[in-house]
Amino acid sequence: MWPSRSAMASIWEQIVGFLDAIATNPAYLFGFLAFVFLLIILIVVQHIRKIRNQDIWVHQAWGANWKGR
């Protein structure tokens, strides 16, 4: 049902080792930060594209003026 404590400890040790390697090596640190920034940029671009594909909702009272009627 639940993973054993030794398996969870092994995963935790791997995570700590990974973070320690990133912290001690500047190339790993810059690579990791570049990856995070790339993910952020991709998510923002995808969100902007999703918003631009949606129809703009305008209140009825302002819609006549805004749509040039």
Protein backbone atom coordinates (compact mmCIF):
# COMPACT_ATOMS: atom_id res chain seq x y z
CA MET A 1 0.00 0.00 0.00
CA TRP A 2 2.51 2.62 1.12
CA PRO A 3 6.12 2.61 -0.08
CA SER A 4 8.62 1.37 2.43
CA ARG A 5 10.59 3.85 4.50
CA SER A 6 13.86 2.76 2.93
CA ALA A 7 12.52 3.48 -0.57
CA MET A 8 11.27 6.88 0.56
CA ALA A 9 14.61 7.60 2.23
CA SER A 10 16.40 6.62 -0.96
CA ILE A 11 14.28 9.03 -2.98
CA TRP A 12 14.88 11.76 -0.41
CA GLU A 13 18.64 11.13 -0.56
CA GLN A 14 18.53 11.41 -4.35
CA ILE A 15 16.69 14.72 -4.14
CA VAL A 16 19.14 16.07 -1.58
CA GLY A 17 22.07 14.89 -3.70
CA PHE A 18 20.60 16.55 -6.79
CA LEU A 19 20.09 19.84 -4.97
CA ASP A 20 23.59 19.63 -3.49
CA ALA A 21 25.07 19.08 -6.96
CA ILE A 22 23.14 22.08 -8.30
CA ALA A 23 24.28 24.25 -5.40
CA THR A 24 27.95 23.32 -5.68
CA ASN A 25 28.34 23.51 -9.47
CA PRO A 26 27.60 26.88 -11.12
CA ALA A 27 27.03 25.28 -14.53
CA TYR A 28 24.30 23.05 -13.09
CA LEU A 29 22.81 26.03 -11.26
CA PHE A 30 22.64 28.15 -14.43
CA GLY A 31 21.27 25.24 -16.42
CA PHE A 32 18.57 24.58 -13.84
CA LEU A 33 17.61 28.26 -13.69
CA ALA A 34 17.51 28.44 -17.50
CA PHE A 35 15.21 25.41 -17.55
CA VAL A 36 12.87 27.00 -14.98
CA PHE A 37 12.78 30.31 -16.90
CA LEU A 38 12.11 28.45 -20.14
CA LEU A 39 9.16 26.65 -18.53
CA ILE A 40 7.80 29.95 -17.21
CA ILE A 41 8.09 31.60 -20.63
CA LEU A 42 6.40 28.66 -22.37
CA ILE A 43 3.52 28.69 -19.88
CA VAL A 44 3.04 32.45 -20.29
CA VAL A 45 3.12 32.24 -24.10
CA GLN A 46 0.62 29.39 -24.08
CA HIS A 47 -1.67 31.36 -21.77
CA ILE A 48 -1.44 34.47 -23.98
CA ARG A 49 -2.32 32.43 -27.06
CA LYS A 50 -5.29 30.90 -25.25
CA ILE A 51 -6.54 34.36 -24.24
CA ARG A 52 -6.10 35.81 -27.75
CA ASN A 53 -8.17 33.00 -29.27
CA GLN A 54 -11.14 33.80 -27.05
CA ASP A 55 -13.84 36.22 -28.12
CA ILE A 56 -13.76 39.51 -26.24
CA TRP A 57 -16.81 40.05 -24.04
CA VAL A 58 -18.10 43.62 -24.00
CA HIS A 59 -20.94 44.88 -21.85
CA GLN A 60 -24.08 45.57 -23.89
CA ALA A 61 -24.22 49.25 -22.90
CA TRP A 62 -20.67 49.81 -24.14
CA GLY A 63 -20.79 47.30 -26.97
CA ALA A 64 -22.64 49.56 -29.41
CA ASN A 65 -19.98 52.25 -29.15
CA TRP A 66 -17.04 49.85 -29.04
CA LYS A 67 -18.07 47.82 -32.09
CA GLY A 68 -18.75 50.93 -34.14
CA ARG A 69 -22.55 50.69 -34.32
